[in-house]
C-alpha atoms as a PDB file:
ATOM      1  CA  MET A   1      64.628 110.546  23.119  1.00  0.00           C
ATOM      2  CA  PRO A   2      62.506 107.511  24.074  1.00  0.00           C
ATOM      3  CA  GLY A   3      59.395 106.687  22.093  1.00  0.00           C
ATOM      4  CA  VAL A   4      55.846 107.070  23.354  1.00  0.00           C
ATOM      5  CA  SER A   5      54.679 104.237  25.582  1.00  0.00           C
ATOM      6  CA  THR A   6      52.007 102.063  23.993  1.00  0.00           C
ATOM      7  CA  SER A   7      50.854 100.746  27.365  1.00  0.00           C
ATOM      8  CA  GLY A   8      48.276 103.231  28.556  1.00  0.00           C
ATOM      9  CA  VAL A   9      47.394 104.197  32.090  1.00  0.00           C
ATOM     10  CA  GLU A  10      44.108 105.607  33.301  1.00  0.00           C
ATOM     11  CA  VAL A  11      42.594 106.390  36.681  1.00  0.00           C
ATOM     12  CA  SER A  12      39.098 104.922  36.608  1.00  0.00           C
ATOM     13  CA  LEU A  13      37.781 105.867  40.059  1.00  0.00           C
ATOM     14  CA  VAL A  14      38.902 108.067  42.960  1.00  0.00           C
ATOM     15  CA  SER A  15      37.385 107.406  46.396  1.00  0.00           C
ATOM     16  CA  SER A  16      37.994 108.387  50.012  1.00  0.00           C
ATOM     17  CA  LYS A  17      40.132 105.229  50.489  1.00  0.00           C
ATOM     18  CA  GLY A  18      42.246 105.342  47.323  1.00  0.00           C
ATOM     19  CA  PHE A  19      41.938 105.075  43.568  1.00  0.00           C
ATOM     20  CA  TRP A  20      41.813 102.483  40.795  1.00  0.00           C
ATOM     21  CA  LEU A  21      44.360 102.402  37.979  1.00  0.00           C
ATOM     22  CA  LEU A  22      43.813 100.719  34.625  1.00  0.00           C
ATOM     23  CA  LEU A  23      47.132  99.567  33.150  1.00  0.00           C
ATOM     24  CA  GLY A  24      46.444  97.956  29.817  1.00  0.00           C
ATOM     25  CA  GLY A  25      44.274  94.961  30.791  1.00  0.00           C
ATOM     26  CA  GLU A  26      45.151  95.112  34.498  1.00  0.00           C
ATOM     27  CA  GLU A  27      43.236  96.947  37.239  1.00  0.00           C
ATOM     28  CA  LEU A  28      45.053  97.925  40.448  1.00  0.00           C
ATOM     29  CA  PHE A  29      43.842  99.650  43.617  1.00  0.00           C
ATOM     30  CA  VAL A  30      46.129 102.299  45.143  1.00  0.00           C
ATOM     31  CA  PRO A  31      45.099 102.714  48.797  1.00  0.00           C
ATOM     32  CA  TYR A  32      46.004 105.969  50.548  1.00  0.00           C
ATOM     33  CA  ALA A  33      47.036 103.948  53.616  1.00  0.00           C
ATOM     34  CA  GLU A  34      49.888 102.440  51.575  1.00  0.00           C
ATOM     35  CA  PHE A  35      50.550 105.460  49.351  1.00  0.00           C
ATOM     36  CA  PRO A  36      49.995 108.546  51.557  1.00  0.00           C
ATOM     37  CA  TRP A  37      51.335 111.036  48.971  1.00  0.00           C
ATOM     38  CA  PHE A  38      47.966 110.869  47.207  1.00  0.00           C
ATOM     39  CA  LYS A  39      45.691 111.375  50.225  1.00  0.00           C
ATOM     40  CA  GLN A  40      45.648 115.190  50.058  1.00  0.00           C
ATOM     41  CA  ALA A  41      46.114 115.406  46.274  1.00  0.00           C
ATOM     42  CA  THR A  42      43.402 116.832  44.063  1.00  0.00           C
ATOM     43  CA  VAL A  43      41.495 114.605  41.663  1.00  0.00           C
ATOM     44  CA  GLU A  44      43.270 116.435  38.833  1.00  0.00           C
ATOM     45  CA  ALA A  45      46.683 115.602  40.333  1.00  0.00           C
ATOM     46  CA  ILE A  46      45.749 111.929  40.789  1.00  0.00           C
ATOM     47  CA  THR A  47      44.308 111.556  37.297  1.00  0.00           C
ATOM     48  CA  THR A  48      47.250 113.272  35.621  1.00  0.00           C
ATOM     49  CA  VAL A  49      49.474 110.218  35.405  1.00  0.00           C
ATOM     50  CA  GLU A  50      52.086 109.149  32.873  1.00  0.00           C
ATOM     51  CA  ARG A  51      53.598 105.745  32.131  1.00  0.00           C
ATOM     52  CA  PRO A  52      57.137 106.398  30.865  1.00  0.00           C
ATOM     53  CA  SER A  53      57.862 102.651  30.787  1.00  0.00           C
ATOM     54  CA  THR A  54      56.066  99.391  31.518  1.00  0.00           C
ATOM     55  CA  ASP A  55      56.995  99.360  35.221  1.00  0.00           C
ATOM     56  CA  HIS A  56      57.144 103.101  35.912  1.00  0.00           C
ATOM     57  CA  LEU A  57      54.335 105.556  36.681  1.00  0.00           C
ATOM     58  CA  TYR A  58      54.752 109.289  37.215  1.00  0.00           C
ATOM     59  CA  TRP A  59      52.336 111.909  38.581  1.00  0.00           C
ATOM     60  CA  PRO A  60      53.862 115.232  37.427  1.00  0.00           C
ATOM     61  CA  LEU A  61      51.524 117.561  39.342  1.00  0.00           C
ATOM     62  CA  ILE A  62      52.649 116.091  42.692  1.00  0.00           C
ATOM     63  CA  ASP A  63      56.075 114.799  41.559  1.00  0.00           C
ATOM     64  CA  VAL A  64      55.483 111.162  42.571  1.00  0.00           C
ATOM     65  CA  ASP A  65      57.284 108.272  40.854  1.00  0.00           C
ATOM     66  CA  LEU A  66      56.220 104.688  41.554  1.00  0.00           C
ATOM     67  CA  ALA A  67      57.180 101.290  40.263  1.00  0.00           C
ATOM     68  CA  VAL A  68      54.128  99.306  39.160  1.00  0.00           C
ATOM     69  CA  ALA A  69      55.524  96.411  41.237  1.00  0.00           C
ATOM     70  CA  SER A  70      55.157  98.544  44.391  1.00  0.00           C
ATOM     71  CA  ILE A  71      51.425  98.904  43.711  1.00  0.00           C
ATOM     72  CA  ARG A  72      51.005  95.199  42.995  1.00  0.00           C
ATOM     73  CA  ASN A  73      52.801  94.255  46.219  1.00  0.00           C
ATOM     74  CA  PRO A  74      53.224  97.210  48.623  1.00  0.00           C
ATOM     75  CA  ALA A  75      54.509  94.958  51.424  1.00  0.00           C
ATOM     76  CA  SER A  76      57.684  94.385  49.403  1.00  0.00           C
ATOM     77  CA  PHE A  77      58.322  98.145  49.335  1.00  0.00           C
ATOM     78  CA  PRO A  78      57.883  99.428  52.918  1.00  0.00           C
ATOM     79  CA  LEU A  79      57.696 103.177  53.403  1.00  0.00           C
ATOM     80  CA  ILE A  80      60.447 104.451  55.666  1.00  0.00           C
ATOM     81  CA  SER A  81      60.609 108.114  56.546  1.00  0.00           C
ATOM     82  CA  LYS A  82      63.609 109.804  58.141  1.00  0.00           C
ATOM     83  CA  ALA A  83      61.499 112.838  59.073  1.00  0.00           C
ATOM     84  CA  LYS A  84      60.820 113.471  62.745  1.00  0.00           C
ATOM     85  CA  PRO A  85      57.205 113.894  63.881  1.00  0.00           C
ATOM     86  CA  SER A  86      56.193 117.553  63.986  1.00  0.00           C
ATOM     87  CA  SER A  87      56.140 117.529  67.807  1.00  0.00           C
ATOM     88  CA  GLU A  88      59.888 116.810  67.840  1.00  0.00           C
ATOM     89  CA  LYS A  89      60.870 119.545  65.355  1.00  0.00           C
ATOM     90  CA  GLY A  90      62.182 122.918  66.385  1.00  0.00           C
ATOM     91  CA  CYS A  91      62.116 122.402  70.143  1.00  0.00           C
END
């Protein structure tokens, strides 16, 4: 069983555009435009975050895993969905 991470994570502010994460001495903004899984999440779900390792964050209440690198540079991790728009489903 892995040990407890000594690098803490904390959500410092939640706004209508995204939220700020404090990772040790680093502060990162997580915009909903780049990370849409959080847009409809409750404040409790957003602020309940774990850091299992230095480059891994996990939000258990909404089952979202992210690499810290994807927050630092979202353009390097484009979101690609295979889902069809709702207007194309079940025709």
